[in-house]
């Protein structure tokens, strides 16, 4: 029992002195995916966890994201988009063929005009 002559503030101070100091946060944490100890900078801050950092390191999280979200190729798997791309390609091919025909026609006209210029009597 406490001594009635002691100051209540002293009793409170004694109680606080018996409370252990909190342990310092470790300088490294172990990743739950790769099981490697890594520095704190390798983990994201996460206040919802007990340790204040995510359980997976940034590298493992990045690999997990890449597996879950593979890069999309030039074509989407959406059938509507595929049909649209096919129509564009068909038009593009037809347009390219028309451009080749036009270029060939212009080249023939240029060569004919060049031949006329070379054989023109006013040429000095």
PDB file of N, CA and C in Angstrom:
ATOM      1  N   UNK A   1       0.843  -1.170   0.000  1.00  0.00           N
ATOM      2  CA  UNK A   1       0.000   0.000   0.000  1.00  0.00           C
ATOM      3  C   UNK A   1       0.889   1.234   0.000  1.00  0.00           C
ATOM      4  N   UNK A   2       0.393   2.304  -0.584  1.00  0.00           N
ATOM      5  CA  UNK A   2       1.184   3.523  -0.691  1.00  0.00           C
ATOM      6  C   UNK A   2       1.184   4.279   0.626  1.00  0.00           C
ATOM      7  N   UNK A   3       2.235   4.986   0.841  1.00  0.00           N
ATOM      8  CA  UNK A   3       2.392   5.799   2.035  1.00  0.00           C
ATOM      9  C   UNK A   3       1.537   7.053   1.875  1.00  0.00           C
ATOM     10  N   UNK A   4       0.651   7.389   2.860  1.00  0.00           N
ATOM     11  CA  UNK A   4      -0.208   8.569   2.729  1.00  0.00           C
ATOM     12  C   UNK A   4       0.583   9.872   2.737  1.00  0.00           C
ATOM     13  N   UNK A   5       1.821   9.868   3.179  1.00  0.00           N
ATOM     14  CA  UNK A   5       2.621  11.091   3.239  1.00  0.00           C
ATOM     15  C   UNK A   5       3.315  11.400   1.909  1.00  0.00           C
ATOM     16  N   UNK A   6       3.308  10.452   0.972  1.00  0.00           N
ATOM     17  CA  UNK A   6       4.006  10.703  -0.293  1.00  0.00           C
ATOM     18  C   UNK A   6       3.137  11.528  -1.230  1.00  0.00           C
ATOM     19  N   UNK A   7       3.819  12.261  -2.054  1.00  0.00           N
ATOM     20  CA  UNK A   7       3.141  13.121  -3.027  1.00  0.00           C
ATOM     21  C   UNK A   7       2.548  12.246  -4.146  1.00  0.00           C
ATOM     22  N   UNK A   8       1.317  12.472  -4.592  1.00  0.00           N
ATOM     23  CA  UNK A   8       0.729  11.660  -5.669  1.00  0.00           C
ATOM     24  C   UNK A   8       1.526  11.789  -6.972  1.00  0.00           C
ATOM     25  N   UNK A   9       2.153  12.931  -7.161  1.00  0.00           N
ATOM     26  CA  UNK A   9       2.947  13.121  -8.367  1.00  0.00           C
ATOM     27  C   UNK A   9       4.158  12.182  -8.381  1.00  0.00           C
ATOM     28  N   UNK A  10       4.756  11.965  -7.223  1.00  0.00           N
ATOM     29  CA  UNK A  10       5.882  11.033  -7.127  1.00  0.00           C
ATOM     30  C   UNK A  10       5.450   9.614  -7.486  1.00  0.00           C
ATOM     31  N   UNK A  11       4.265   9.237  -7.059  1.00  0.00           N
ATOM     32  CA  UNK A  11       3.762   7.890  -7.355  1.00  0.00           C
ATOM     33  C   UNK A  11       3.551   7.731  -8.868  1.00  0.00           C
ATOM     34  N   UNK A  12       3.061   8.774  -9.480  1.00  0.00           N
ATOM     35  CA  UNK A  12       2.838   8.719 -10.930  1.00  0.00           C
ATOM     36  C   UNK A  12       4.180   8.639 -11.658  1.00  0.00           C
ATOM     37  N   UNK A  13       5.151   9.396 -11.225  1.00  0.00           N
ATOM     38  CA  UNK A  13       6.478   9.384 -11.850  1.00  0.00           C
ATOM     39  C   UNK A  13       7.125   8.010 -11.703  1.00  0.00           C
ATOM     40  N   UNK A  14       6.956   7.379 -10.554  1.00  0.00           N
ATOM     41  CA  UNK A  14       7.502   6.034 -10.361  1.00  0.00           C
ATOM     42  C   UNK A  14       6.840   5.034 -11.303  1.00  0.00           C
ATOM     43  N   UNK A  15       5.533   5.205 -11.498  1.00  0.00           N
ATOM     44  CA  UNK A  15       4.815   4.298 -12.401  1.00  0.00           C
ATOM     45  C   UNK A  15       5.333   4.473 -13.832  1.00  0.00           C
ATOM     46  N   UNK A  16       5.571   5.690 -14.251  1.00  0.00           N
ATOM     47  CA  UNK A  16       6.085   5.936 -15.606  1.00  0.00           C
ATOM     48  C   UNK A  16       7.493   5.395 -15.785  1.00  0.00           C
ATOM     49  N   UNK A  17       8.278   5.406 -14.721  1.00  0.00           N
ATOM     50  CA  UNK A  17       9.643   4.890 -14.824  1.00  0.00           C
ATOM     51  C   UNK A  17       9.664   3.384 -15.020  1.00  0.00           C
ATOM     52  N   UNK A  18       8.633   2.705 -14.569  1.00  0.00           N
ATOM     53  CA  UNK A  18       8.599   1.250 -14.731  1.00  0.00           C
ATOM     54  C   UNK A  18       8.095   0.831 -16.109  1.00  0.00           C
ATOM     55  N   UNK A  19       7.532   1.749 -16.882  1.00  0.00           N
ATOM     56  CA  UNK A  19       7.051   1.417 -18.231  1.00  0.00           C
ATOM     57  C   UNK A  19       8.265   1.232 -19.132  1.00  0.00           C
ATOM     58  N   UNK A  20       8.341   0.116 -19.833  1.00  0.00           N
ATOM     59  CA  UNK A  20       9.509  -0.100 -20.699  1.00  0.00           C
ATOM     60  C   UNK A  20       9.485   0.836 -21.900  1.00  0.00           C
ATOM     61  N   UNK A  21      10.661   1.181 -22.362  1.00  0.00           N
ATOM     62  CA  UNK A  21      10.790   2.035 -23.544  1.00  0.00           C
ATOM     63  C   UNK A  21      10.336   1.253 -24.771  1.00  0.00           C
ATOM     64  N   UNK A  22       9.680   1.914 -25.719  1.00  0.00           N
ATOM     65  CA  UNK A  22       9.288   1.201 -26.932  1.00  0.00           C
ATOM     66  C   UNK A  22      10.525   0.803 -27.739  1.00  0.00           C
ATOM     67  N   UNK A  23      10.438  -0.361 -28.353  1.00  0.00           N
ATOM     68  CA  UNK A  23      11.568  -0.831 -29.144  1.00  0.00           C
ATOM     69  C   UNK A  23      11.700   0.015 -30.406  1.00  0.00           C
ATOM     70  N   UNK A  24      12.917   0.271 -30.773  1.00  0.00           N
ATOM     71  CA  UNK A  24      13.170   1.035 -31.990  1.00  0.00           C
ATOM     72  C   UNK A  24      12.783   0.184 -33.202  1.00  0.00           C
ATOM     73  N   UNK A  25      12.316   0.844 -34.227  1.00  0.00           N
ATOM     74  CA  UNK A  25      11.936   0.136 -35.445  1.00  0.00           C
ATOM     75  C   UNK A  25      13.178  -0.485 -36.072  1.00  0.00           C
ATOM     76  N   UNK A  26      13.060  -1.697 -36.578  1.00  0.00           N
ATOM     77  CA  UNK A  26      14.236  -2.330 -37.188  1.00  0.00           C
ATOM     78  C   UNK A  26      14.653  -1.588 -38.457  1.00  0.00           C
ATOM     79  N   UNK A  27      15.936  -1.624 -38.732  1.00  0.00           N
ATOM     80  CA  UNK A  27      16.455  -0.936 -39.923  1.00  0.00           C
ATOM     81  C   UNK A  27      16.130  -1.719 -41.183  1.00  0.00           C
ATOM     82  N   UNK A  28      15.824  -3.004 -41.036  1.00  0.00           N
ATOM     83  CA  UNK A  28      15.461  -3.825 -42.189  1.00  0.00           C
ATOM     84  C   UNK A  28      14.184  -4.591 -41.869  1.00  0.00           C
ATOM     85  N   UNK A  29      13.462  -4.932 -42.925  1.00  0.00           N
ATOM     86  CA  UNK A  29      12.260  -5.756 -42.812  1.00  0.00           C
ATOM     87  C   UNK A  29      12.391  -6.914 -43.785  1.00  0.00           C
ATOM     88  N   UNK A  30      11.665  -7.983 -43.510  1.00  0.00           N
ATOM     89  CA  UNK A  30      11.695  -9.150 -44.384  1.00  0.00           C
ATOM     90  C   UNK A  30      10.440  -9.126 -45.262  1.00  0.00           C
ATOM     91  N   UNK A  31      10.644  -9.253 -46.560  1.00  0.00           N
ATOM     92  CA  UNK A  31       9.538  -9.268 -47.519  1.00  0.00           C
ATOM     93  C   UNK A  31       8.795 -10.594 -47.399  1.00  0.00           C
ATOM     94  N   UNK A  32       7.468 -10.553 -47.438  1.00  0.00           N
ATOM     95  CA  UNK A  32       6.693 -11.789 -47.310  1.00  0.00           C
ATOM     96  C   UNK A  32       6.667 -12.588 -48.610  1.00  0.00           C
ATOM     97  N   UNK A  33       7.001 -11.972 -49.745  1.00  0.00           N
ATOM     98  CA  UNK A  33       7.009 -12.694 -51.033  1.00  0.00           C
ATOM     99  C   UNK A  33       8.364 -13.345 -51.296  1.00  0.00           C
ATOM    100  N   UNK A  34       9.422 -12.550 -51.284  1.00  0.00           N
ATOM    101  CA  UNK A  34      10.757 -13.077 -51.619  1.00  0.00           C
ATOM    102  C   UNK A  34      11.531 -13.530 -50.381  1.00  0.00           C
ATOM    103  N   UNK A  35      11.022 -13.220 -49.204  1.00  0.00           N
ATOM    104  CA  UNK A  35      11.623 -13.629 -47.923  1.00  0.00           C
ATOM    105  C   UNK A  35      13.041 -13.099 -47.714  1.00  0.00           C
ATOM    106  N   UNK A  36      13.375 -11.994 -48.361  1.00  0.00           N
ATOM    107  CA  UNK A  36      14.704 -11.397 -48.204  1.00  0.00           C
ATOM    108  C   UNK A  36      14.614 -10.205 -47.263  1.00  0.00           C
ATOM    109  N   UNK A  37      15.580 -10.035 -46.363  1.00  0.00           N
ATOM    110  CA  UNK A  37      15.600  -8.821 -45.543  1.00  0.00           C
ATOM    111  C   UNK A  37      16.062  -7.639 -46.400  1.00  0.00           C
ATOM    112  N   UNK A  38      15.305  -6.563 -46.346  1.00  0.00           N
ATOM    113  CA  UNK A  38      15.614  -5.379 -47.157  1.00  0.00           C
ATOM    114  C   UNK A  38      15.498  -4.135 -46.291  1.00  0.00           C
ATOM    115  N   UNK A  39      16.144  -3.038 -46.710  1.00  0.00           N
ATOM    116  CA  UNK A  39      16.045  -1.794 -45.931  1.00  0.00           C
ATOM    117  C   UNK A  39      14.626  -1.229 -45.996  1.00  0.00           C
ATOM    118  N   UNK A  40      14.325  -0.343 -45.079  1.00  0.00           N
ATOM    119  CA  UNK A  40      12.975   0.233 -45.008  1.00  0.00           C
ATOM    120  C   UNK A  40      12.573   0.943 -46.298  1.00  0.00           C
ATOM    121  N   UNK A  41      13.566   1.500 -47.007  1.00  0.00           N
ATOM    122  CA  UNK A  41      13.259   2.226 -48.240  1.00  0.00           C
ATOM    123  C   UNK A  41      12.686   1.308 -49.314  1.00  0.00           C
ATOM    124  N   UNK A  42      12.895  -0.001 -49.164  1.00  0.00           N
ATOM    125  CA  UNK A  42      12.403  -0.959 -50.156  1.00  0.00           C
ATOM    126  C   UNK A  42      10.921  -1.276 -49.957  1.00  0.00           C
ATOM    127  N   UNK A  43      10.316  -0.735 -48.903  1.00  0.00           N
ATOM    128  CA  UNK A  43       8.911  -1.003 -48.595  1.00  0.00           C
ATOM    129  C   UNK A  43       8.114   0.288 -48.653  1.00  0.00           C
ATOM    130  N   UNK A  44       6.841   0.164 -49.021  1.00  0.00           N
ATOM    131  CA  UNK A  44       5.956   1.329 -49.037  1.00  0.00           C
ATOM    132  C   UNK A  44       5.406   1.563 -47.631  1.00  0.00           C
ATOM    133  N   UNK A  45       5.161   2.825 -47.317  1.00  0.00           N
ATOM    134  CA  UNK A  45       4.540   3.150 -46.039  1.00  0.00           C
ATOM    135  C   UNK A  45       3.094   2.684 -46.080  1.00  0.00           C
ATOM    136  N   UNK A  46       2.651   2.011 -45.016  1.00  0.00           N
ATOM    137  CA  UNK A  46       1.280   1.524 -44.934  1.00  0.00           C
ATOM    138  C   UNK A  46       0.831   1.596 -43.483  1.00  0.00           C
ATOM    139  N   UNK A  47       0.140   2.676 -43.125  1.00  0.00           N
ATOM    140  CA  UNK A  47      -0.260   2.839 -41.723  1.00  0.00           C
ATOM    141  C   UNK A  47      -1.287   1.796 -41.264  1.00  0.00           C
ATOM    142  N   UNK A  48      -1.899   1.068 -42.195  1.00  0.00           N
ATOM    143  CA  UNK A  48      -2.890   0.070 -41.788  1.00  0.00           C
ATOM    144  C   UNK A  48      -2.250  -1.209 -41.253  1.00  0.00           C
ATOM    145  N   UNK A  49      -0.952  -1.379 -41.450  1.00  0.00           N
ATOM    146  CA  UNK A  49      -0.277  -2.572 -40.941  1.00  0.00           C
ATOM    147  C   UNK A  49       0.328  -2.284 -39.571  1.00  0.00           C
ATOM    148  N   UNK A  50       0.606  -3.345 -38.842  1.00  0.00           N
ATOM    149  CA  UNK A  50       1.151  -3.188 -37.485  1.00  0.00           C
ATOM    150  C   UNK A  50       2.540  -2.577 -37.508  1.00  0.00           C
ATOM    151  N   UNK A  51       3.318  -2.899 -38.532  1.00  0.00           N
ATOM    152  CA  UNK A  51       4.686  -2.400 -38.569  1.00  0.00           C
ATOM    153  C   UNK A  51       4.825  -1.063 -39.300  1.00  0.00           C
ATOM    154  N   UNK A  52       3.749  -0.594 -39.908  1.00  0.00           N
ATOM    155  CA  UNK A  52       3.765   0.713 -40.565  1.00  0.00           C
ATOM    156  C   UNK A  52       4.273   0.690 -41.996  1.00  0.00           C
ATOM    157  N   UNK A  53       4.661  -0.473 -42.484  1.00  0.00           N
ATOM    158  CA  UNK A  53       5.142  -0.637 -43.854  1.00  0.00           C
ATOM    159  C   UNK A  53       4.407  -1.812 -44.492  1.00  0.00           C
ATOM    160  N   UNK A  54       4.355  -1.828 -45.811  1.00  0.00           N
ATOM    161  CA  UNK A  54       3.709  -2.953 -46.488  1.00  0.00           C
ATOM    162  C   UNK A  54       4.493  -4.236 -46.213  1.00  0.00           C
ATOM    163  N   UNK A  55       3.827  -5.360 -46.353  1.00  0.00           N
ATOM    164  CA  UNK A  55       4.481  -6.643 -46.086  1.00  0.00           C
ATOM    165  C   UNK A  55       5.317  -7.111 -47.273  1.00  0.00           C
ATOM    166  N   UNK A  56       5.014  -6.574 -48.469  1.00  0.00           N
ATOM    167  CA  UNK A  56       5.759  -6.940 -49.678  1.00  0.00           C
ATOM    168  C   UNK A  56       6.648  -5.774 -50.086  1.00  0.00           C
ATOM    169  N   UNK A  57       7.864  -6.074 -50.534  1.00  0.00           N
ATOM    170  CA  UNK A  57       8.777  -5.016 -50.965  1.00  0.00           C
ATOM    171  C   UNK A  57       8.295  -4.423 -52.296  1.00  0.00           C
ATOM    172  N   UNK A  58       8.831  -3.275 -52.653  1.00  0.00           N
ATOM    173  CA  UNK A  58       8.424  -2.590 -53.880  1.00  0.00           C
ATOM    174  C   UNK A  58       8.698  -3.436 -55.121  1.00  0.00           C
ATOM    175  N   UNK A  59       9.806  -4.159 -55.130  1.00  0.00           N
ATOM    176  CA  UNK A  59      10.151  -4.988 -56.278  1.00  0.00           C
ATOM    177  C   UNK A  59       9.108  -6.084 -56.480  1.00  0.00           C
ATOM    178  N   UNK A  60       8.732  -6.755 -55.410  1.00  0.00           N
ATOM    179  CA  UNK A  60       7.720  -7.816 -55.513  1.00  0.00           C
ATOM    180  C   UNK A  60       6.359  -7.242 -55.895  1.00  0.00           C
ATOM    181  N   UNK A  61       6.015  -6.080 -55.357  1.00  0.00           N
ATOM    182  CA  UNK A  61       4.753  -5.445 -55.725  1.00  0.00           C
ATOM    183  C   UNK A  61       4.739  -5.084 -57.205  1.00  0.00           C
ATOM    184  N   UNK A  62       5.879  -4.589 -57.728  1.00  0.00           N
ATOM    185  CA  UNK A  62       5.973  -4.225 -59.140  1.00  0.00           C
ATOM    186  C   UNK A  62       5.807  -5.468 -60.026  1.00  0.00           C
ATOM    187  N   UNK A  63       6.467  -6.574 -59.644  1.00  0.00           N
ATOM    188  CA  UNK A  63       6.338  -7.806 -60.419  1.00  0.00           C
ATOM    189  C   UNK A  63       4.914  -8.344 -60.370  1.00  0.00           C
ATOM    190  N   UNK A  64       4.280  -8.237 -59.204  1.00  0.00           N
ATOM    191  CA  UNK A  64       2.904  -8.683 -59.056  1.00  0.00           C
ATOM    192  C   UNK A  64       1.980  -7.853 -59.952  1.00  0.00           C
ATOM    193  N   UNK A  65       2.210  -6.539 -60.016  1.00  0.00           N
ATOM    194  CA  UNK A  65       1.397  -5.671 -60.858  1.00  0.00           C
ATOM    195  C   UNK A  65       1.593  -6.014 -62.336  1.00  0.00           C
ATOM    196  N   UNK A  66       2.844  -6.276 -62.724  1.00  0.00           N
ATOM    197  CA  UNK A  66       3.111  -6.606 -64.126  1.00  0.00           C
ATOM    198  C   UNK A  66       2.449  -7.918 -64.521  1.00  0.00           C
ATOM    199  N   UNK A  67       2.416  -8.891 -63.598  1.00  0.00           N
ATOM    200  CA  UNK A  67       1.752 -10.156 -63.904  1.00  0.00           C
ATOM    201  C   UNK A  67       0.244  -9.954 -64.021  1.00  0.00           C
ATOM    202  N   UNK A  68      -0.310  -9.099 -63.168  1.00  0.00           N
ATOM    203  CA  UNK A  68      -1.753  -8.873 -63.174  1.00  0.00           C
ATOM    204  C   UNK A  68      -2.187  -7.982 -64.329  1.00  0.00           C
ATOM    205  N   UNK A  69      -1.295  -7.121 -64.822  1.00  0.00           N
ATOM    206  CA  UNK A  69      -1.614  -6.186 -65.910  1.00  0.00           C
ATOM    207  C   UNK A  69      -0.584  -6.336 -67.024  1.00  0.00           C
ATOM    208  N   UNK A  70      -0.703  -7.381 -67.854  1.00  0.00           N
ATOM    209  CA  UNK A  70       0.280  -7.559 -68.926  1.00  0.00           C
ATOM    210  C   UNK A  70       0.179  -6.423 -69.933  1.00  0.00           C
ATOM    211  N   UNK A  71       1.283  -6.093 -70.586  1.00  0.00           N
ATOM    212  CA  UNK A  71       1.236  -4.995 -71.558  1.00  0.00           C
ATOM    213  C   UNK A  71       0.336  -5.370 -72.722  1.00  0.00           C
ATOM    214  N   UNK A  72      -0.398  -4.394 -73.199  1.00  0.00           N
ATOM    215  CA  UNK A  72      -1.297  -4.622 -74.323  1.00  0.00           C
ATOM    216  C   UNK A  72      -0.519  -4.457 -75.622  1.00  0.00           C
ATOM    217  N   UNK A  73      -0.786  -5.340 -76.555  1.00  0.00           N
ATOM    218  CA  UNK A  73      -0.125  -5.273 -77.852  1.00  0.00           C
ATOM    219  C   UNK A  73      -0.754  -4.192 -78.708  1.00  0.00           C
ATOM    220  N   UNK A  74      -0.432  -4.169 -79.995  1.00  0.00           N
ATOM    221  CA  UNK A  74      -0.997  -3.148 -80.867  1.00  0.00           C
ATOM    222  C   UNK A  74      -2.497  -3.312 -81.053  1.00  0.00           C
ATOM    223  N   UNK A  75      -3.010  -4.527 -80.825  1.00  0.00           N
ATOM    224  CA  UNK A  75      -4.446  -4.768 -80.980  1.00  0.00           C
ATOM    225  C   UNK A  75      -5.049  -5.130 -79.637  1.00  0.00           C
ATOM    226  N   UNK A  76      -6.221  -4.648 -79.411  1.00  0.00           N
ATOM    227  CA  UNK A  76      -6.939  -4.970 -78.191  1.00  0.00           C
ATOM    228  C   UNK A  76      -7.691  -6.274 -78.391  1.00  0.00           C
ATOM    229  N   UNK A  77      -8.070  -6.917 -77.308  1.00  0.00           N
ATOM    230  CA  UNK A  77      -8.846  -8.150 -77.431  1.00  0.00           C
ATOM    231  C   UNK A  77     -10.329  -7.860 -77.606  1.00  0.00           C
ATOM    232  N   UNK A  78     -10.727  -6.609 -77.564  1.00  0.00           N
ATOM    233  CA  UNK A  78     -12.108  -6.220 -77.745  1.00  0.00           C
ATOM    234  C   UNK A  78     -12.502  -6.427 -79.205  1.00  0.00           C
ATOM    235  N   UNK A  79     -13.569  -7.205 -79.505  1.00  0.00           N
ATOM    236  CA  UNK A  79     -13.929  -7.477 -80.906  1.00  0.00           C
ATOM    237  C   UNK A  79     -14.350  -6.223 -81.668  1.00  0.00           C
ATOM    238  N   UNK A  80     -14.961  -5.277 -80.985  1.00  0.00           N
ATOM    239  CA  UNK A  80     -15.368  -4.043 -81.672  1.00  0.00           C
ATOM    240  C   UNK A  80     -14.144  -3.258 -82.129  1.00  0.00           C
ATOM    241  N   UNK A  81     -13.135  -3.194 -81.276  1.00  0.00           N
ATOM    242  CA  UNK A  81     -11.905  -2.491 -81.621  1.00  0.00           C
ATOM    243  C   UNK A  81     -11.194  -3.229 -82.752  1.00  0.00           C
ATOM    244  N   UNK A  82     -11.171  -4.562 -82.687  1.00  0.00           N
ATOM    245  CA  UNK A  82     -10.520  -5.347 -83.738  1.00  0.00           C
ATOM    246  C   UNK A  82     -11.188  -5.102 -85.086  1.00  0.00           C
ATOM    247  N   UNK A  83     -12.530  -5.088 -85.104  1.00  0.00           N
ATOM    248  CA  UNK A  83     -13.240  -4.822 -86.349  1.00  0.00           C
ATOM    249  C   UNK A  83     -12.919  -3.436 -86.886  1.00  0.00           C
ATOM    250  N   UNK A  84     -12.843  -2.452 -85.993  1.00  0.00           N
ATOM    251  CA  UNK A  84     -12.513  -1.090 -86.396  1.00  0.00           C
ATOM    252  C   UNK A  84     -11.110  -1.037 -86.990  1.00  0.00           C
ATOM    253  N   UNK A  85     -10.165  -1.721 -86.341  1.00  0.00           N
ATOM    254  CA  UNK A  85      -8.784  -1.735 -86.833  1.00  0.00           C
ATOM    255  C   UNK A  85      -8.712  -2.431 -88.193  1.00  0.00           C
ATOM    256  N   UNK A  86      -9.462  -3.536 -88.353  1.00  0.00           N
ATOM    257  CA  UNK A  86      -9.469  -4.231 -89.641  1.00  0.00           C
ATOM    258  C   UNK A  86     -10.012  -3.332 -90.750  1.00  0.00           C
ATOM    259  N   UNK A  87     -11.082  -2.576 -90.451  1.00  0.00           N
ATOM    260  CA  UNK A  87     -11.633  -1.662 -91.472  1.00  0.00           C
ATOM    261  C   UNK A  87     -10.621  -0.578 -91.834  1.00  0.00           C
ATOM    262  N   UNK A  88      -9.922  -0.064 -90.835  1.00  0.00           N
ATOM    263  CA  UNK A  88      -8.904   0.953 -91.105  1.00  0.00           C
ATOM    264  C   UNK A  88      -7.799   0.356 -91.982  1.00  0.00           C
ATOM    265  N   UNK A  89      -7.379  -0.861 -91.659  1.00  0.00           N
ATOM    266  CA  UNK A  89      -6.325  -1.505 -92.446  1.00  0.00           C
ATOM    267  C   UNK A  89      -6.766  -1.735 -93.885  1.00  0.00           C
ATOM    268  N   UNK A  90      -8.036  -2.178 -94.076  1.00  0.00           N
ATOM    269  CA  UNK A  90      -8.538  -2.375 -95.437  1.00  0.00           C
ATOM    270  C   UNK A  90      -8.535  -1.054 -96.202  1.00  0.00           C
ATOM    271  N   UNK A  91      -9.020   0.001 -95.549  1.00  0.00           N
ATOM    272  CA  UNK A  91      -9.016   1.316 -96.206  1.00  0.00           C
ATOM    273  C   UNK A  91      -7.590   1.762 -96.469  1.00  0.00           C
ATOM    274  N   UNK A  92      -6.713   1.505 -95.515  1.00  0.00           N
ATOM    275  CA  UNK A  92      -5.320   1.905 -95.679  1.00  0.00           C
ATOM    276  C   UNK A  92      -4.668   1.198 -96.855  1.00  0.00           C
ATOM    277  N   UNK A  93      -4.962  -0.096 -97.008  1.00  0.00           N
ATOM    278  CA  UNK A  93      -4.393  -0.852 -98.125  1.00  0.00           C
ATOM    279  C   UNK A  93      -4.939  -0.329 -99.437  1.00  0.00           C
ATOM    280  N   UNK A  94      -6.248  -0.106 -99.484  1.00  0.00           N
ATOM    281  CA  UNK A  94      -6.850   0.427-100.707  1.00  0.00           C
ATOM    282  C   UNK A  94      -6.298   1.815-101.011  1.00  0.00           C
ATOM    283  N   UNK A  95      -6.123   2.631 -99.986  1.00  0.00           N
ATOM    284  CA  UNK A  95      -5.577   3.973-100.180  1.00  0.00           C
ATOM    285  C   UNK A  95      -4.128   3.890-100.653  1.00  0.00           C
ATOM    286  N   UNK A  96      -3.358   2.991-100.082  1.00  0.00           N
ATOM    287  CA  UNK A  96      -1.963   2.845-100.491  1.00  0.00           C
ATOM    288  C   UNK A  96      -1.869   2.389-101.946  1.00  0.00           C
ATOM    289  N   UNK A  97      -2.732   1.462-102.356  1.00  0.00           N
ATOM    290  CA  UNK A  97      -2.728   1.010-103.755  1.00  0.00           C
ATOM    291  C   UNK A  97      -3.089   2.164-104.679  1.00  0.00           C
ATOM    292  N   UNK A  98      -4.075   2.968-104.297  1.00  0.00           N
ATOM    293  CA  UNK A  98      -4.459   4.122-105.108  1.00  0.00           C
ATOM    294  C   UNK A  98      -3.314   5.131-105.174  1.00  0.00           C
ATOM    295  N   UNK A  99      -2.611   5.326-104.077  1.00  0.00           N
ATOM    296  CA  UNK A  99      -1.486   6.259-104.067  1.00  0.00           C
ATOM    297  C   UNK A  99      -0.360   5.765-104.975  1.00  0.00           C
ATOM    298  N   UNK A 100      -0.124   4.460-105.012  1.00  0.00           N
ATOM    299  CA  UNK A 100       0.907   3.904-105.894  1.00  0.00           C
ATOM    300  C   UNK A 100       0.528   4.119-107.347  1.00  0.00           C
ATOM    301  N   UNK A 101      -0.752   3.866-107.661  1.00  0.00           N
ATOM    302  CA  UNK A 101      -1.209   4.091-109.041  1.00  0.00           C
ATOM    303  C   UNK A 101      -1.070   5.563-109.425  1.00  0.00           C
ATOM    304  N   UNK A 102      -1.435   6.457-108.516  1.00  0.00           N
ATOM    305  CA  UNK A 102      -1.328   7.888-108.799  1.00  0.00           C
ATOM    306  C   UNK A 102       0.135   8.287-108.976  1.00  0.00           C
ATOM    307  N   UNK A 103       1.018   7.772-108.130  1.00  0.00           N
ATOM    308  CA  UNK A 103       2.439   8.094-108.245  1.00  0.00           C
ATOM    309  C   UNK A 103       3.007   7.585-109.564  1.00  0.00           C
ATOM    310  N   UNK A 104       2.604   6.391-109.993  1.00  0.00           N
ATOM    311  CA  UNK A 104       3.077   5.849-111.273  1.00  0.00           C
ATOM    312  C   UNK A 104       2.584   6.701-112.432  1.00  0.00           C
ATOM    313  N   UNK A 105       1.324   7.129-112.374  1.00  0.00           N
ATOM    314  CA  UNK A 105       0.766   7.987-113.431  1.00  0.00           C
ATOM    315  C   UNK A 105       1.510   9.310-113.479  1.00  0.00           C
ATOM    316  N   UNK A 106       1.785   9.907-112.322  1.00  0.00           N
ATOM    317  CA  UNK A 106       2.504  11.180-112.289  1.00  0.00           C
ATOM    318  C   UNK A 106       3.939  11.017-112.794  1.00  0.00           C
ATOM    319  N   UNK A 107       4.571   9.896-112.494  1.00  0.00           N
ATOM    320  CA  UNK A 107       5.925   9.641-112.965  1.00  0.00           C
ATOM    321  C   UNK A 107       5.956   9.519-114.487  1.00  0.00           C
ATOM    322  N   UNK A 108       4.956   8.823-115.032  1.00  0.00           N
ATOM    323  CA  UNK A 108       4.887   8.731-116.504  1.00  0.00           C
ATOM    324  C   UNK A 108       4.692  10.106-117.116  1.00  0.00           C
ATOM    325  N   UNK A 109       3.811  10.928-116.508  1.00  0.00           N
ATOM    326  CA  UNK A 109       3.576  12.274-117.038  1.00  0.00           C
ATOM    327  C   UNK A 109       4.841  13.123-116.910  1.00  0.00           C
ATOM    328  N   UNK A 110       5.580  12.989-115.825  1.00  0.00           N
ATOM    329  CA  UNK A 110       6.817  13.745-115.631  1.00  0.00           C
ATOM    330  C   UNK A 110       7.856  13.349-116.677  1.00  0.00           C
ATOM    331  N   UNK A 111       8.018  12.060-116.895  1.00  0.00           N
ATOM    332  CA  UNK A 111       8.992  11.604-117.894  1.00  0.00           C
ATOM    333  C   UNK A 111       8.628  12.098-119.297  1.00  0.00           C
ATOM    334  N   UNK A 112       7.329  12.089-119.597  1.00  0.00           N
ATOM    335  CA  UNK A 112       6.878  12.576-120.911  1.00  0.00           C
ATOM    336  C   UNK A 112       7.184  14.071-121.037  1.00  0.00           C
ATOM    337  N   UNK A 113       6.896  14.845-119.970  1.00  0.00           N
ATOM    338  CA  UNK A 113       7.163  16.279-119.999  1.00  0.00           C
ATOM    339  C   UNK A 113       8.666  16.548-120.100  1.00  0.00           C
ATOM    340  N   UNK A 114       9.491  15.758-119.417  1.00  0.00           N
ATOM    341  CA  UNK A 114      10.936  15.913-119.474  1.00  0.00           C
ATOM    342  C   UNK A 114      11.466  15.641-120.878  1.00  0.00           C
ATOM    343  N   UNK A 115      10.901  14.623-121.541  1.00  0.00           N
ATOM    344  CA  UNK A 115      11.312  14.310-122.904  1.00  0.00           C
ATOM    345  C   UNK A 115      10.952  15.456-123.850  1.00  0.00           C
ATOM    346  N   UNK A 116       9.766  16.069-123.639  1.00  0.00           N
ATOM    347  CA  UNK A 116       9.357  17.202-124.470  1.00  0.00           C
ATOM    348  C   UNK A 116      10.277  18.396-124.268  1.00  0.00           C
ATOM    349  N   UNK A 117      10.673  18.638-123.027  1.00  0.00           N
ATOM    350  CA  UNK A 117      11.565  19.780-122.728  1.00  0.00           C
ATOM    351  C   UNK A 117      12.913  19.561-123.377  1.00  0.00           C
ATOM    352  N   UNK A 118      13.428  18.348-123.343  1.00  0.00           N
ATOM    353  CA  UNK A 118      14.734  18.057-123.904  1.00  0.00           C
ATOM    354  C   UNK A 118      14.735  18.201-125.432  1.00  0.00           C
ATOM    355  N   UNK A 119      13.633  17.859-126.061  1.00  0.00           N
ATOM    356  CA  UNK A 119      13.561  17.915-127.524  1.00  0.00           C
ATOM    357  C   UNK A 119      12.958  19.207-128.036  1.00  0.00           C
ATOM    358  N   UNK A 120      12.618  20.139-127.180  1.00  0.00           N
ATOM    359  CA  UNK A 120      11.999  21.390-127.620  1.00  0.00           C
ATOM    360  C   UNK A 120      13.018  22.224-128.390  1.00  0.00           C
ATOM    361  N   UNK A 121      12.596  22.813-129.552  1.00  0.00           N
ATOM    362  CA  UNK A 121      13.539  23.566-130.359  1.00  0.00           C
ATOM    363  C   UNK A 121      14.005  24.884-129.721  1.00  0.00           C
ATOM    364  N   UNK A 122      13.243  25.455-128.774  1.00  0.00           N
ATOM    365  CA  UNK A 122      13.625  26.734-128.171  1.00  0.00           C
ATOM    366  C   UNK A 122      14.726  26.573-127.143  1.00  0.00           C
ATOM    367  N   UNK A 123      15.069  25.339-126.841  1.00  0.00           N
ATOM    368  CA  UNK A 123      16.109  25.082-125.831  1.00  0.00           C
ATOM    369  C   UNK A 123      17.465  25.522-126.366  1.00  0.00           C
ATOM    370  N   UNK A 124      18.246  26.249-125.592  1.00  0.00           N
ATOM    371  CA  UNK A 124      19.545  26.745-126.036  1.00  0.00           C
ATOM    372  C   UNK A 124      20.666  25.949-125.485  1.00  0.00           C
TER     373      UNK A 124
END
